[in-house]
Amino acid sequence: MSRVYIENQNEYYSAIPGETIQEALHRSGYGMDAPCNGLGKCGKCKVWVSGELEPALDREREHLVGEEEHIRLGCMARIKG
């Protein structure tokens, strides 16, 4: 099983490979602001990431133009390991 770490709360949450960061946090009871309901349309759930994630989809990359390489959308970034 993988983990998601929330730095400003110093907490780890369990994650299942294949689910998004948002899904893992929601399942663990931690709310994540995603006004588009996880559709990758608004770009307001940007998170700093490290570790193994699936490659970004085109609709996610549209919101990441000019961002550093470790920024992803929590509602779209799928955990790989």
C-alpha atoms as a PDB file:
ATOM      1  CA  MET A   1       0.000   0.000   0.000  1.00  0.00           C
ATOM      2  CA  SER A   2       1.160   3.533  -0.742  1.00  0.00           C
ATOM      3  CA  ARG A   3       0.855   6.671   1.368  1.00  0.00           C
ATOM      4  CA  VAL A   4      -0.052  10.314   0.848  1.00  0.00           C
ATOM      5  CA  TYR A   5       1.661  12.792   3.165  1.00  0.00           C
ATOM      6  CA  ILE A   6       0.111  16.163   4.051  1.00  0.00           C
ATOM      7  CA  GLU A   7       3.096  18.271   5.082  1.00  0.00           C
ATOM      8  CA  ASN A   8       1.321  21.133   6.856  1.00  0.00           C
ATOM      9  CA  GLN A   9      -0.520  18.599   9.045  1.00  0.00           C
ATOM     10  CA  ASN A  10       2.366  16.121   9.395  1.00  0.00           C
ATOM     11  CA  GLU A  11      -0.068  13.273   8.607  1.00  0.00           C
ATOM     12  CA  TYR A  12       0.123  10.203   6.368  1.00  0.00           C
ATOM     13  CA  TYR A  13      -2.933   8.706   4.663  1.00  0.00           C
ATOM     14  CA  SER A  14      -3.168   5.296   3.012  1.00  0.00           C
ATOM     15  CA  ALA A  15      -3.449   5.151  -0.768  1.00  0.00           C
ATOM     16  CA  ILE A  16      -4.293   2.379  -3.192  1.00  0.00           C
ATOM     17  CA  PRO A  17      -2.333   2.257  -6.453  1.00  0.00           C
ATOM     18  CA  GLY A  18      -4.581   3.428  -9.288  1.00  0.00           C
ATOM     19  CA  GLU A  19      -6.616   5.928  -7.287  1.00  0.00           C
ATOM     20  CA  THR A  20      -6.082   9.675  -7.479  1.00  0.00           C
ATOM     21  CA  ILE A  21      -4.575  11.682  -4.653  1.00  0.00           C
ATOM     22  CA  GLN A  22      -7.996  13.271  -4.121  1.00  0.00           C
ATOM     23  CA  GLU A  23      -9.697   9.846  -3.911  1.00  0.00           C
ATOM     24  CA  ALA A  24      -7.138   8.591  -1.382  1.00  0.00           C
ATOM     25  CA  LEU A  25      -7.582  11.643   0.818  1.00  0.00           C
ATOM     26  CA  HIS A  26     -11.377  11.585   0.554  1.00  0.00           C
ATOM     27  CA  ARG A  27     -11.484   7.873   1.475  1.00  0.00           C
ATOM     28  CA  SER A  28      -9.301   8.647   4.509  1.00  0.00           C
ATOM     29  CA  GLY A  29     -11.607  11.435   5.670  1.00  0.00           C
ATOM     30  CA  TYR A  30      -9.404  14.360   4.599  1.00  0.00           C
ATOM     31  CA  GLY A  31     -11.207  16.883   2.423  1.00  0.00           C
ATOM     32  CA  MET A  32      -9.445  18.334  -0.589  1.00  0.00           C
ATOM     33  CA  ASP A  33     -10.774  21.409  -2.365  1.00  0.00           C
ATOM     34  CA  ALA A  34     -11.787  20.376  -5.897  1.00  0.00           C
ATOM     35  CA  PRO A  35     -14.488  22.750  -7.196  1.00  0.00           C
ATOM     36  CA  CYS A  36     -14.821  20.846 -10.499  1.00  0.00           C
ATOM     37  CA  ASN A  37     -15.549  17.646  -8.560  1.00  0.00           C
ATOM     38  CA  GLY A  38     -12.439  15.869  -9.795  1.00  0.00           C
ATOM     39  CA  LEU A  39     -12.945  16.424 -13.516  1.00  0.00           C
ATOM     40  CA  GLY A  40      -9.645  18.238 -14.089  1.00  0.00           C
ATOM     41  CA  LYS A  41     -11.378  21.366 -15.385  1.00  0.00           C
ATOM     42  CA  CYS A  42     -10.547  24.089 -12.875  1.00  0.00           C
ATOM     43  CA  GLY A  43      -6.906  23.465 -11.891  1.00  0.00           C
ATOM     44  CA  LYS A  44      -7.502  24.552  -8.278  1.00  0.00           C
ATOM     45  CA  CYS A  45      -6.249  21.344  -6.650  1.00  0.00           C
ATOM     46  CA  LYS A  46      -2.570  21.716  -7.501  1.00  0.00           C
ATOM     47  CA  VAL A  47      -0.307  19.801  -5.150  1.00  0.00           C
ATOM     48  CA  TRP A  48       3.433  19.256  -4.822  1.00  0.00           C
ATOM     49  CA  VAL A  49       4.190  15.598  -5.372  1.00  0.00           C
ATOM     50  CA  SER A  50       7.010  13.084  -5.214  1.00  0.00           C
ATOM     51  CA  GLY A  51       7.016   9.357  -5.685  1.00  0.00           C
ATOM     52  CA  GLU A  52       5.514   7.147  -8.334  1.00  0.00           C
ATOM     53  CA  LEU A  53       2.528   8.559 -10.231  1.00  0.00           C
ATOM     54  CA  GLU A  54       0.942   7.687 -13.546  1.00  0.00           C
ATOM     55  CA  PRO A  55       1.869  10.120 -16.359  1.00  0.00           C
ATOM     56  CA  ALA A  56      -0.264  13.256 -16.600  1.00  0.00           C
ATOM     57  CA  LEU A  57      -3.154  13.228 -19.062  1.00  0.00           C
ATOM     58  CA  ASP A  58      -3.503  16.018 -21.643  1.00  0.00           C
ATOM     59  CA  ARG A  59      -6.347  17.740 -19.748  1.00  0.00           C
ATOM     60  CA  GLU A  60      -4.187  17.816 -16.613  1.00  0.00           C
ATOM     61  CA  ARG A  61      -1.163  19.163 -18.488  1.00  0.00           C
ATOM     62  CA  GLU A  62      -3.283  22.083 -19.762  1.00  0.00           C
ATOM     63  CA  HIS A  63      -3.398  23.387 -16.168  1.00  0.00           C
ATOM     64  CA  LEU A  64       0.302  22.778 -15.516  1.00  0.00           C
ATOM     65  CA  VAL A  65       1.874  24.910 -18.249  1.00  0.00           C
ATOM     66  CA  GLY A  66       4.828  26.747 -16.729  1.00  0.00           C
ATOM     67  CA  GLU A  67       4.627  24.864 -13.420  1.00  0.00           C
ATOM     68  CA  GLU A  68       7.609  23.093 -11.929  1.00  0.00           C
ATOM     69  CA  GLU A  69       7.894  19.378 -12.609  1.00  0.00           C
ATOM     70  CA  HIS A  70       6.629  18.266  -9.169  1.00  0.00           C
ATOM     71  CA  ILE A  71       3.259  20.019  -9.424  1.00  0.00           C
ATOM     72  CA  ARG A  72       0.199  17.942 -10.343  1.00  0.00           C
ATOM     73  CA  LEU A  73      -3.585  18.162  -9.997  1.00  0.00           C
ATOM     74  CA  GLY A  74      -4.716  16.164  -6.980  1.00  0.00           C
ATOM     75  CA  CYS A  75      -7.945  15.188  -8.728  1.00  0.00           C
ATOM     76  CA  MET A  76      -6.102  13.762 -11.757  1.00  0.00           C
ATOM     77  CA  ALA A  77      -2.757  12.448 -10.476  1.00  0.00           C
ATOM     78  CA  ARG A  78      -3.068   8.669 -10.150  1.00  0.00           C
ATOM     79  CA  ILE A  79      -0.867   6.898  -7.624  1.00  0.00           C
ATOM     80  CA  LYS A  80       1.355   4.252  -9.155  1.00  0.00           C
ATOM     81  CA  GLY A  81       3.291   3.062  -6.136  1.00  0.00           C
END
